[in-house]
């Protein structure tokens, strides 16, 4: 996220539409928030929530999620950790 937040177009604004929207409203990008949302559940819960099967430990793409889900079969857990970006509006 730290690197991504610095990518700009020819107009000097972010290439990301949401960051660009905030910039156009006068916001300043402050810093990444590496763990802005963390969701942990059992594998059964994750399979129920996603209508997917997680047969082994690993990282999985979940449709419409912004980050991968980490599945740990030995611990019977799935963890989703999403990054975000702090911006300041004055």
C-alpha atoms as a PDB file:
ATOM      1  CA  UNK A   1       0.000   0.000   0.000  1.00  0.00           C
ATOM      2  CA  UNK A   2       2.837   2.404   0.786  1.00  0.00           C
ATOM      3  CA  UNK A   3       4.210   2.096  -2.731  1.00  0.00           C
ATOM      4  CA  UNK A   4       0.805   1.932  -4.414  1.00  0.00           C
ATOM      5  CA  UNK A   5      -0.291   5.158  -2.725  1.00  0.00           C
ATOM      6  CA  UNK A   6       2.532   7.015  -4.486  1.00  0.00           C
ATOM      7  CA  UNK A   7       1.554   5.995  -8.015  1.00  0.00           C
ATOM      8  CA  UNK A   8       0.222   9.001  -9.882  1.00  0.00           C
ATOM      9  CA  UNK A   9      -1.133   9.857 -13.288  1.00  0.00           C
ATOM     10  CA  UNK A  10      -0.070  12.684 -15.596  1.00  0.00           C
ATOM     11  CA  UNK A  11      -2.219  15.096 -13.546  1.00  0.00           C
ATOM     12  CA  UNK A  12      -0.198  14.339 -10.392  1.00  0.00           C
ATOM     13  CA  UNK A  13      -3.153  12.686  -8.649  1.00  0.00           C
ATOM     14  CA  UNK A  14      -3.307   9.072  -7.537  1.00  0.00           C
ATOM     15  CA  UNK A  15      -4.158   6.413 -10.110  1.00  0.00           C
ATOM     16  CA  UNK A  16      -6.602   4.958  -7.572  1.00  0.00           C
ATOM     17  CA  UNK A  17     -10.102   6.390  -8.056  1.00  0.00           C
ATOM     18  CA  UNK A  18     -10.936   6.531  -4.323  1.00  0.00           C
ATOM     19  CA  UNK A  19      -7.636   8.152  -3.337  1.00  0.00           C
ATOM     20  CA  UNK A  20      -8.008  10.585  -6.252  1.00  0.00           C
ATOM     21  CA  UNK A  21     -11.531  11.482  -5.086  1.00  0.00           C
ATOM     22  CA  UNK A  22     -10.191  12.375  -1.640  1.00  0.00           C
ATOM     23  CA  UNK A  23      -7.322  14.361  -3.183  1.00  0.00           C
ATOM     24  CA  UNK A  24      -9.772  16.352  -5.290  1.00  0.00           C
ATOM     25  CA  UNK A  25     -11.630  17.214  -2.071  1.00  0.00           C
ATOM     26  CA  UNK A  26      -8.372  18.572  -0.628  1.00  0.00           C
ATOM     27  CA  UNK A  27      -7.164  15.562   1.353  1.00  0.00           C
ATOM     28  CA  UNK A  28      -3.522  14.751   1.972  1.00  0.00           C
ATOM     29  CA  UNK A  29      -2.334  11.153   2.007  1.00  0.00           C
ATOM     30  CA  UNK A  30      -0.817  10.472   5.443  1.00  0.00           C
ATOM     31  CA  UNK A  31       0.210   6.822   5.751  1.00  0.00           C
ATOM     32  CA  UNK A  32      -0.798   3.250   5.087  1.00  0.00           C
ATOM     33  CA  UNK A  33      -2.787   1.353   7.716  1.00  0.00           C
ATOM     34  CA  UNK A  34      -1.464  -2.192   7.257  1.00  0.00           C
ATOM     35  CA  UNK A  35      -4.078  -3.886   9.468  1.00  0.00           C
ATOM     36  CA  UNK A  36      -7.126  -1.657   9.154  1.00  0.00           C
ATOM     37  CA  UNK A  37      -9.531  -4.606   9.111  1.00  0.00           C
ATOM     38  CA  UNK A  38      -8.859  -8.117  10.401  1.00  0.00           C
ATOM     39  CA  UNK A  39     -11.480 -10.868  10.229  1.00  0.00           C
ATOM     40  CA  UNK A  40     -10.709 -14.248  11.802  1.00  0.00           C
ATOM     41  CA  UNK A  41     -12.961 -17.280  11.782  1.00  0.00           C
ATOM     42  CA  UNK A  42     -12.918 -21.031  11.654  1.00  0.00           C
ATOM     43  CA  UNK A  43     -12.465 -22.733   8.308  1.00  0.00           C
ATOM     44  CA  UNK A  44     -16.119 -23.801   8.424  1.00  0.00           C
ATOM     45  CA  UNK A  45     -17.135 -20.166   8.922  1.00  0.00           C
ATOM     46  CA  UNK A  46     -14.978 -19.020   6.000  1.00  0.00           C
ATOM     47  CA  UNK A  47     -16.393 -21.758   3.784  1.00  0.00           C
ATOM     48  CA  UNK A  48     -19.896 -20.662   4.768  1.00  0.00           C
ATOM     49  CA  UNK A  49     -19.193 -16.942   4.277  1.00  0.00           C
ATOM     50  CA  UNK A  50     -17.515 -17.395   0.891  1.00  0.00           C
ATOM     51  CA  UNK A  51     -19.290 -20.468  -0.520  1.00  0.00           C
ATOM     52  CA  UNK A  52     -15.805 -21.839  -1.202  1.00  0.00           C
ATOM     53  CA  UNK A  53     -13.788 -24.853  -0.042  1.00  0.00           C
ATOM     54  CA  UNK A  54     -10.332 -24.451   1.511  1.00  0.00           C
ATOM     55  CA  UNK A  55      -8.771 -27.938   1.312  1.00  0.00           C
ATOM     56  CA  UNK A  56      -5.278 -27.055   2.494  1.00  0.00           C
ATOM     57  CA  UNK A  57      -3.260 -24.446   4.330  1.00  0.00           C
ATOM     58  CA  UNK A  58      -2.427 -21.494   2.134  1.00  0.00           C
ATOM     59  CA  UNK A  59      -3.522 -18.123   0.846  1.00  0.00           C
ATOM     60  CA  UNK A  60      -6.718 -17.918  -1.189  1.00  0.00           C
ATOM     61  CA  UNK A  61      -8.304 -15.389  -3.518  1.00  0.00           C
ATOM     62  CA  UNK A  62     -11.873 -14.642  -2.475  1.00  0.00           C
ATOM     63  CA  UNK A  63     -14.072 -12.877  -5.038  1.00  0.00           C
ATOM     64  CA  UNK A  64     -14.579  -9.166  -4.298  1.00  0.00           C
ATOM     65  CA  UNK A  65     -12.048  -9.180  -1.433  1.00  0.00           C
ATOM     66  CA  UNK A  66      -9.170  -6.717  -1.558  1.00  0.00           C
ATOM     67  CA  UNK A  67      -6.677  -9.097   0.051  1.00  0.00           C
ATOM     68  CA  UNK A  68      -6.020 -12.825   0.278  1.00  0.00           C
ATOM     69  CA  UNK A  69      -7.447 -15.020   3.032  1.00  0.00           C
ATOM     70  CA  UNK A  70      -4.841 -16.979   5.014  1.00  0.00           C
ATOM     71  CA  UNK A  71      -6.107 -20.477   5.824  1.00  0.00           C
ATOM     72  CA  UNK A  72      -4.380 -22.552   8.494  1.00  0.00           C
ATOM     73  CA  UNK A  73      -5.793 -26.088   8.594  1.00  0.00           C
ATOM     74  CA  UNK A  74      -3.713 -27.088  11.659  1.00  0.00           C
ATOM     75  CA  UNK A  75      -5.204 -24.242  13.704  1.00  0.00           C
ATOM     76  CA  UNK A  76      -8.649 -24.370  12.021  1.00  0.00           C
ATOM     77  CA  UNK A  77      -8.508 -20.649  11.266  1.00  0.00           C
ATOM     78  CA  UNK A  78      -8.897 -18.320   8.366  1.00  0.00           C
ATOM     79  CA  UNK A  79      -7.693 -14.748   8.636  1.00  0.00           C
ATOM     80  CA  UNK A  80      -8.349 -11.844   6.307  1.00  0.00           C
ATOM     81  CA  UNK A  81      -6.201  -8.756   6.819  1.00  0.00           C
ATOM     82  CA  UNK A  82      -6.983  -5.706   4.736  1.00  0.00           C
ATOM     83  CA  UNK A  83      -4.735  -2.684   4.315  1.00  0.00           C
ATOM     84  CA  UNK A  84      -6.072   0.797   3.979  1.00  0.00           C
ATOM     85  CA  UNK A  85      -4.788   4.306   3.697  1.00  0.00           C
ATOM     86  CA  UNK A  86      -5.078   7.225   6.096  1.00  0.00           C
ATOM     87  CA  UNK A  87      -5.891  10.549   4.482  1.00  0.00           C
ATOM     88  CA  UNK A  88      -6.459  13.900   6.176  1.00  0.00           C
ATOM     89  CA  UNK A  89      -9.117  16.400   5.177  1.00  0.00           C
ATOM     90  CA  UNK A  90      -8.544  19.933   6.416  1.00  0.00           C
END
